[in-house]
């Protein structure tokens, strides 16, 4: 005689009744574990992300063929919609941005053009662009001011080194007078070489400072 094993999922609180039974809960947990393991791989995670990026979102209309601007696209979906234009993504992937006034007749009822909304959108967009440019200008100007202070600090340090080196040279020159091969003469020659190096570095920093200040004038 054939024995029938009762299905544990026929319990009253199962998926069919909007609540998971114990058996289904365990299965769902195992499925989620496998998904977490699979997506821990960098390649799997990348493919997983690309799938959701390129796949149409739920509720989006998919047009098997759609002609825009004289070119026909396959499996096109609207992925960005604003009062001025629509951005479509199609197989390839291909992307096409179309103004609402230029949409084919079949889409004009779905995406009607409202001049007032379009004007408000363009105004808001322009204000955001101006705010972004102003923020960037302030950041660039602040960066140039930091460069100016850093260069001025380096120039001041070289000025102090030159003053100290000049005092050292005076002492060495006095000791080396009439002694062309004395250690003082060698030290004096080395000090003069260091002085020339510092003068060259200072000139280069001065040029950098002038350039930074010229750039500041563009962003002030």
C-alpha atoms as a PDB file:
ATOM      1  CA  UNK A   1       0.000   0.000   0.000  1.00  0.00           C
ATOM      2  CA  UNK A   2       1.407   3.379  -1.010  1.00  0.00           C
ATOM      3  CA  UNK A   3       2.028   5.717   1.892  1.00  0.00           C
ATOM      4  CA  UNK A   4       1.395   9.436   1.375  1.00  0.00           C
ATOM      5  CA  UNK A   5       3.754  11.738   3.258  1.00  0.00           C
ATOM      6  CA  UNK A   6       1.996  14.941   4.237  1.00  0.00           C
ATOM      7  CA  UNK A   7       3.507  18.101   2.748  1.00  0.00           C
ATOM      8  CA  UNK A   8       4.710  20.351   5.576  1.00  0.00           C
ATOM      9  CA  UNK A   9       3.927  23.362   3.442  1.00  0.00           C
ATOM     10  CA  UNK A  10       0.202  22.612   3.610  1.00  0.00           C
ATOM     11  CA  UNK A  11       0.128  24.078   7.069  1.00  0.00           C
ATOM     12  CA  UNK A  12      -2.261  26.916   7.651  1.00  0.00           C
ATOM     13  CA  UNK A  13       0.460  29.591   7.920  1.00  0.00           C
ATOM     14  CA  UNK A  14       2.246  29.018   4.633  1.00  0.00           C
ATOM     15  CA  UNK A  15       3.112  31.243   1.650  1.00  0.00           C
ATOM     16  CA  UNK A  16      -0.372  30.774   0.222  1.00  0.00           C
ATOM     17  CA  UNK A  17      -1.659  32.429   3.374  1.00  0.00           C
ATOM     18  CA  UNK A  18       0.879  35.306   3.282  1.00  0.00           C
ATOM     19  CA  UNK A  19       2.957  33.816   6.142  1.00  0.00           C
ATOM     20  CA  UNK A  20       5.926  31.437   5.672  1.00  0.00           C
ATOM     21  CA  UNK A  21       5.834  28.049   7.258  1.00  0.00           C
ATOM     22  CA  UNK A  22       8.927  26.697   8.970  1.00  0.00           C
ATOM     23  CA  UNK A  23       9.923  24.660   5.934  1.00  0.00           C
ATOM     24  CA  UNK A  24       9.737  27.630   3.567  1.00  0.00           C
ATOM     25  CA  UNK A  25      11.515  29.917   6.023  1.00  0.00           C
ATOM     26  CA  UNK A  26      14.465  27.531   6.159  1.00  0.00           C
ATOM     27  CA  UNK A  27      14.567  27.286   2.366  1.00  0.00           C
ATOM     28  CA  UNK A  28      14.417  31.059   1.971  1.00  0.00           C
ATOM     29  CA  UNK A  29      17.249  31.455   4.473  1.00  0.00           C
ATOM     30  CA  UNK A  30      19.428  29.000   2.554  1.00  0.00           C
ATOM     31  CA  UNK A  31      18.668  30.851  -0.704  1.00  0.00           C
ATOM     32  CA  UNK A  32      19.687  34.155   0.804  1.00  0.00           C
ATOM     33  CA  UNK A  33      22.916  32.589   2.101  1.00  0.00           C
ATOM     34  CA  UNK A  34      23.780  31.292  -1.371  1.00  0.00           C
ATOM     35  CA  UNK A  35      23.102  34.750  -2.819  1.00  0.00           C
ATOM     36  CA  UNK A  36      25.375  36.416  -0.247  1.00  0.00           C
ATOM     37  CA  UNK A  37      28.158  33.917  -0.996  1.00  0.00           C
ATOM     38  CA  UNK A  38      27.791  34.374  -4.749  1.00  0.00           C
ATOM     39  CA  UNK A  39      27.925  38.163  -4.568  1.00  0.00           C
ATOM     40  CA  UNK A  40      31.055  38.227  -2.386  1.00  0.00           C
ATOM     41  CA  UNK A  41      33.132  37.449  -5.490  1.00  0.00           C
ATOM     42  CA  UNK A  42      34.242  40.724  -7.202  1.00  0.00           C
ATOM     43  CA  UNK A  43      33.332  39.402 -10.658  1.00  0.00           C
ATOM     44  CA  UNK A  44      29.961  38.109  -9.459  1.00  0.00           C
ATOM     45  CA  UNK A  45      29.254  41.421  -7.749  1.00  0.00           C
ATOM     46  CA  UNK A  46      30.141  43.320 -10.946  1.00  0.00           C
ATOM     47  CA  UNK A  47      27.890  41.144 -13.089  1.00  0.00           C
ATOM     48  CA  UNK A  48      25.155  41.414 -10.472  1.00  0.00           C
ATOM     49  CA  UNK A  49      25.395  45.239 -10.587  1.00  0.00           C
ATOM     50  CA  UNK A  50      25.462  45.356 -14.390  1.00  0.00           C
ATOM     51  CA  UNK A  51      22.363  43.189 -14.534  1.00  0.00           C
ATOM     52  CA  UNK A  52      20.371  45.656 -12.454  1.00  0.00           C
ATOM     53  CA  UNK A  53      21.903  48.649 -14.258  1.00  0.00           C
ATOM     54  CA  UNK A  54      21.072  47.460 -17.757  1.00  0.00           C
ATOM     55  CA  UNK A  55      17.829  45.650 -17.014  1.00  0.00           C
ATOM     56  CA  UNK A  56      14.674  47.762 -17.229  1.00  0.00           C
ATOM     57  CA  UNK A  57      13.157  48.664 -13.896  1.00  0.00           C
ATOM     58  CA  UNK A  58       9.830  47.171 -12.920  1.00  0.00           C
ATOM     59  CA  UNK A  59       6.957  49.179 -14.323  1.00  0.00           C
ATOM     60  CA  UNK A  60       8.961  50.679 -17.204  1.00  0.00           C
ATOM     61  CA  UNK A  61       7.453  50.398 -20.652  1.00  0.00           C
ATOM     62  CA  UNK A  62       9.633  48.473 -23.098  1.00  0.00           C
ATOM     63  CA  UNK A  63       9.245  49.351 -26.777  1.00  0.00           C
ATOM     64  CA  UNK A  64      10.356  46.428 -29.017  1.00  0.00           C
ATOM     65  CA  UNK A  65      11.158  48.913 -31.789  1.00  0.00           C
ATOM     66  CA  UNK A  66      11.226  52.672 -31.473  1.00  0.00           C
ATOM     67  CA  UNK A  67      12.262  55.210 -34.098  1.00  0.00           C
ATOM     68  CA  UNK A  68      13.882  58.353 -32.707  1.00  0.00           C
ATOM     69  CA  UNK A  69      15.495  60.997 -34.863  1.00  0.00           C
ATOM     70  CA  UNK A  70      15.415  58.779 -37.935  1.00  0.00           C
ATOM     71  CA  UNK A  71      17.130  55.848 -36.199  1.00  0.00           C
ATOM     72  CA  UNK A  72      15.376  52.703 -35.033  1.00  0.00           C
ATOM     73  CA  UNK A  73      16.186  51.267 -31.615  1.00  0.00           C
ATOM     74  CA  UNK A  74      15.365  47.825 -30.206  1.00  0.00           C
ATOM     75  CA  UNK A  75      13.897  47.214 -26.748  1.00  0.00           C
ATOM     76  CA  UNK A  76      13.971  50.891 -25.820  1.00  0.00           C
ATOM     77  CA  UNK A  77      13.035  52.090 -22.348  1.00  0.00           C
ATOM     78  CA  UNK A  78      12.824  55.574 -20.839  1.00  0.00           C
ATOM     79  CA  UNK A  79      15.405  55.712 -18.039  1.00  0.00           C
ATOM     80  CA  UNK A  80      15.395  59.471 -17.383  1.00  0.00           C
ATOM     81  CA  UNK A  81      12.382  61.714 -17.700  1.00  0.00           C
ATOM     82  CA  UNK A  82      12.177  65.447 -17.089  1.00  0.00           C
ATOM     83  CA  UNK A  83       9.837  68.194 -18.346  1.00  0.00           C
ATOM     84  CA  UNK A  84      12.176  69.013 -21.258  1.00  0.00           C
ATOM     85  CA  UNK A  85      13.489  65.710 -22.608  1.00  0.00           C
ATOM     86  CA  UNK A  86      13.527  61.929 -22.270  1.00  0.00           C
ATOM     87  CA  UNK A  87      16.593  59.681 -22.158  1.00  0.00           C
ATOM     88  CA  UNK A  88      16.055  56.266 -23.733  1.00  0.00           C
ATOM     89  CA  UNK A  89      18.209  53.167 -23.347  1.00  0.00           C
ATOM     90  CA  UNK A  90      18.082  50.422 -25.978  1.00  0.00           C
ATOM     91  CA  UNK A  91      19.923  47.236 -26.851  1.00  0.00           C
ATOM     92  CA  UNK A  92      23.647  47.634 -27.416  1.00  0.00           C
ATOM     93  CA  UNK A  93      23.470  49.408 -25.035  1.00  0.00           C
ATOM     94  CA  UNK A  94      22.520  52.559 -26.931  1.00  0.00           C
ATOM     95  CA  UNK A  95      21.332  55.830 -25.436  1.00  0.00           C
ATOM     96  CA  UNK A  96      19.292  58.568 -27.076  1.00  0.00           C
ATOM     97  CA  UNK A  97      18.121  61.844 -25.538  1.00  0.00           C
ATOM     98  CA  UNK A  98      15.045  63.345 -27.211  1.00  0.00           C
ATOM     99  CA  UNK A  99      13.168  66.554 -26.510  1.00  0.00           C
ATOM    100  CA  UNK A 100       9.497  66.068 -25.752  1.00  0.00           C
ATOM    101  CA  UNK A 101       8.475  68.146 -28.777  1.00  0.00           C
ATOM    102  CA  UNK A 102      10.430  65.754 -31.023  1.00  0.00           C
ATOM    103  CA  UNK A 103       8.917  62.541 -29.683  1.00  0.00           C
ATOM    104  CA  UNK A 104       6.957  60.354 -32.123  1.00  0.00           C
ATOM    105  CA  UNK A 105       3.178  60.693 -32.059  1.00  0.00           C
ATOM    106  CA  UNK A 106       2.836  57.366 -30.252  1.00  0.00           C
ATOM    107  CA  UNK A 107       4.627  58.765 -27.186  1.00  0.00           C
ATOM    108  CA  UNK A 108       3.338  62.329 -27.016  1.00  0.00           C
ATOM    109  CA  UNK A 109       0.288  61.398 -24.975  1.00  0.00           C
ATOM    110  CA  UNK A 110       2.451  59.524 -22.472  1.00  0.00           C
ATOM    111  CA  UNK A 111       5.058  62.326 -22.289  1.00  0.00           C
ATOM    112  CA  UNK A 112       3.181  65.567 -23.053  1.00  0.00           C
ATOM    113  CA  UNK A 113       5.108  68.800 -23.362  1.00  0.00           C
ATOM    114  CA  UNK A 114       4.176  71.571 -20.907  1.00  0.00           C
ATOM    115  CA  UNK A 115       5.995  74.862 -21.707  1.00  0.00           C
ATOM    116  CA  UNK A 116       5.476  76.226 -18.172  1.00  0.00           C
ATOM    117  CA  UNK A 117       6.924  73.126 -16.500  1.00  0.00           C
ATOM    118  CA  UNK A 118       9.770  73.087 -19.003  1.00  0.00           C
ATOM    119  CA  UNK A 119      10.600  76.743 -18.258  1.00  0.00           C
ATOM    120  CA  UNK A 120      10.569  76.082 -14.497  1.00  0.00           C
ATOM    121  CA  UNK A 121      12.806  73.052 -14.966  1.00  0.00           C
ATOM    122  CA  UNK A 122      15.301  74.981 -17.103  1.00  0.00           C
ATOM    123  CA  UNK A 123      15.351  77.819 -14.550  1.00  0.00           C
ATOM    124  CA  UNK A 124      15.997  75.420 -11.686  1.00  0.00           C
ATOM    125  CA  UNK A 125      18.659  73.624 -13.713  1.00  0.00           C
ATOM    126  CA  UNK A 126      20.414  76.919 -14.500  1.00  0.00           C
ATOM    127  CA  UNK A 127      20.311  77.954 -10.821  1.00  0.00           C
ATOM    128  CA  UNK A 128      21.852  74.646  -9.770  1.00  0.00           C
ATOM    129  CA  UNK A 129      24.555  75.033 -12.415  1.00  0.00           C
ATOM    130  CA  UNK A 130      25.343  78.568 -11.189  1.00  0.00           C
ATOM    131  CA  UNK A 131      25.487  77.362  -7.587  1.00  0.00           C
ATOM    132  CA  UNK A 132      27.838  74.541  -8.590  1.00  0.00           C
ATOM    133  CA  UNK A 133      30.104  76.931 -10.521  1.00  0.00           C
ATOM    134  CA  UNK A 134      30.184  79.298  -7.546  1.00  0.00           C
ATOM    135  CA  UNK A 135      31.097  76.464  -5.197  1.00  0.00           C
ATOM    136  CA  UNK A 136      33.863  75.328  -7.537  1.00  0.00           C
ATOM    137  CA  UNK A 137      35.133  78.924  -7.871  1.00  0.00           C
ATOM    138  CA  UNK A 138      35.331  79.298  -4.090  1.00  0.00           C
ATOM    139  CA  UNK A 139      37.121  75.975  -3.690  1.00  0.00           C
ATOM    140  CA  UNK A 140      39.660  76.835  -6.404  1.00  0.00           C
ATOM    141  CA  UNK A 141      40.229  80.309  -4.960  1.00  0.00           C
ATOM    142  CA  UNK A 142      40.712  78.873  -1.457  1.00  0.00           C
ATOM    143  CA  UNK A 143      43.230  76.397  -2.865  1.00  0.00           C
ATOM    144  CA  UNK A 144      45.135  79.182  -4.612  1.00  0.00           C
ATOM    145  CA  UNK A 145      45.216  81.179  -1.379  1.00  0.00           C
ATOM    146  CA  UNK A 146      46.717  78.171   0.408  1.00  0.00           C
ATOM    147  CA  UNK A 147      49.362  77.880  -2.315  1.00  0.00           C
ATOM    148  CA  UNK A 148      50.135  81.586  -1.976  1.00  0.00           C
ATOM    149  CA  UNK A 149      50.691  81.268   1.782  1.00  0.00           C
ATOM    150  CA  UNK A 150      52.860  78.169   1.354  1.00  0.00           C
ATOM    151  CA  UNK A 151      55.056  79.843  -1.255  1.00  0.00           C
ATOM    152  CA  UNK A 152      55.358  83.023   0.819  1.00  0.00           C
ATOM    153  CA  UNK A 153      56.458  80.906   3.788  1.00  0.00           C
ATOM    154  CA  UNK A 154      59.143  79.218   1.681  1.00  0.00           C
ATOM    155  CA  UNK A 155      60.381  82.570   0.362  1.00  0.00           C
ATOM    156  CA  UNK A 156      60.545  83.970   3.887  1.00  0.00           C
ATOM    157  CA  UNK A 157      62.534  80.928   5.029  1.00  0.00           C
ATOM    158  CA  UNK A 158      65.015  81.420   2.190  1.00  0.00           C
ATOM    159  CA  UNK A 159      65.302  85.117   3.086  1.00  0.00           C
ATOM    160  CA  UNK A 160      66.231  84.153   6.648  1.00  0.00           C
ATOM    161  CA  UNK A 161      68.741  81.571   5.384  1.00  0.00           C
ATOM    162  CA  UNK A 162      70.347  84.146   3.083  1.00  0.00           C
ATOM    163  CA  UNK A 163      70.736  86.646   5.923  1.00  0.00           C
ATOM    164  CA  UNK A 164      72.373  84.011   8.128  1.00  0.00           C
ATOM    165  CA  UNK A 165      74.562  82.840   5.245  1.00  0.00           C
ATOM    166  CA  UNK A 166      75.699  86.371   4.490  1.00  0.00           C
ATOM    167  CA  UNK A 167      76.859  86.805   8.103  1.00  0.00           C
ATOM    168  CA  UNK A 168      78.718  83.508   7.883  1.00  0.00           C
ATOM    169  CA  UNK A 169      80.374  84.638   4.650  1.00  0.00           C
ATOM    170  CA  UNK A 170      81.587  87.840   6.231  1.00  0.00           C
ATOM    171  CA  UNK A 171      83.339  85.872   8.983  1.00  0.00           C
ATOM    172  CA  UNK A 172      84.813  83.357   6.529  1.00  0.00           C
ATOM    173  CA  UNK A 173      85.978  86.031   4.124  1.00  0.00           C
ATOM    174  CA  UNK A 174      87.758  87.849   6.946  1.00  0.00           C
ATOM    175  CA  UNK A 175      89.496  84.624   8.001  1.00  0.00           C
ATOM    176  CA  UNK A 176      90.401  83.658   4.430  1.00  0.00           C
ATOM    177  CA  UNK A 177      91.838  87.011   3.400  1.00  0.00           C
ATOM    178  CA  UNK A 178      95.373  86.566   2.004  1.00  0.00           C
ATOM    179  CA  UNK A 179      95.073  82.786   2.544  1.00  0.00           C
ATOM    180  CA  UNK A 180      93.924  81.394  -0.826  1.00  0.00           C
ATOM    181  CA  UNK A 181      94.242  77.705   0.186  1.00  0.00           C
ATOM    182  CA  UNK A 182      93.115  77.888   3.798  1.00  0.00           C
ATOM    183  CA  UNK A 183      90.107  75.879   5.127  1.00  0.00           C
ATOM    184  CA  UNK A 184      88.307  79.175   5.653  1.00  0.00           C
ATOM    185  CA  UNK A 185      88.651  79.933   1.914  1.00  0.00           C
ATOM    186  CA  UNK A 186      87.164  76.512   1.018  1.00  0.00           C
ATOM    187  CA  UNK A 187      84.306  77.050   3.465  1.00  0.00           C
ATOM    188  CA  UNK A 188      83.678  80.518   2.031  1.00  0.00           C
ATOM    189  CA  UNK A 189      83.501  79.109  -1.512  1.00  0.00           C
ATOM    190  CA  UNK A 190      81.008  76.473  -0.352  1.00  0.00           C
ATOM    191  CA  UNK A 191      78.926  79.113   1.402  1.00  0.00           C
ATOM    192  CA  UNK A 192      78.838  81.233  -1.784  1.00  0.00           C
ATOM    193  CA  UNK A 193      77.658  78.190  -3.762  1.00  0.00           C
ATOM    194  CA  UNK A 194      74.866  77.599  -1.228  1.00  0.00           C
ATOM    195  CA  UNK A 195      73.945  81.259  -1.466  1.00  0.00           C
ATOM    196  CA  UNK A 196      73.631  81.047  -5.241  1.00  0.00           C
ATOM    197  CA  UNK A 197      71.459  77.939  -4.939  1.00  0.00           C
ATOM    198  CA  UNK A 198      69.170  79.700  -2.485  1.00  0.00           C
ATOM    199  CA  UNK A 199      68.927  82.749  -4.754  1.00  0.00           C
ATOM    200  CA  UNK A 200      67.932  80.500  -7.686  1.00  0.00           C
ATOM    201  CA  UNK A 201      65.297  78.711  -5.581  1.00  0.00           C
ATOM    202  CA  UNK A 202      63.943  82.033  -4.386  1.00  0.00           C
ATOM    203  CA  UNK A 203      63.616  83.298  -7.960  1.00  0.00           C
ATOM    204  CA  UNK A 204      61.710  80.161  -8.965  1.00  0.00           C
ATOM    205  CA  UNK A 205      59.375  80.507  -5.991  1.00  0.00           C
ATOM    206  CA  UNK A 206      58.794  84.143  -6.848  1.00  0.00           C
ATOM    207  CA  UNK A 207      57.718  83.144 -10.351  1.00  0.00           C
ATOM    208  CA  UNK A 208      55.351  80.544  -8.905  1.00  0.00           C
ATOM    209  CA  UNK A 209      53.934  83.157  -6.549  1.00  0.00           C
ATOM    210  CA  UNK A 210      53.255  85.564  -9.415  1.00  0.00           C
ATOM    211  CA  UNK A 211      51.512  82.804 -11.374  1.00  0.00           C
ATOM    212  CA  UNK A 212      49.355  81.847  -8.399  1.00  0.00           C
ATOM    213  CA  UNK A 213      48.347  85.463  -7.871  1.00  0.00           C
ATOM    214  CA  UNK A 214      47.500  85.809 -11.567  1.00  0.00           C
ATOM    215  CA  UNK A 215      45.296  82.712 -11.293  1.00  0.00           C
ATOM    216  CA  UNK A 216      43.629  84.182  -8.216  1.00  0.00           C
ATOM    217  CA  UNK A 217      42.542  87.180 -10.263  1.00  0.00           C
ATOM    218  CA  UNK A 218      40.525  84.839 -12.517  1.00  0.00           C
ATOM    219  CA  UNK A 219      38.600  83.323  -9.598  1.00  0.00           C
ATOM    220  CA  UNK A 220      38.319  86.291  -7.234  1.00  0.00           C
END
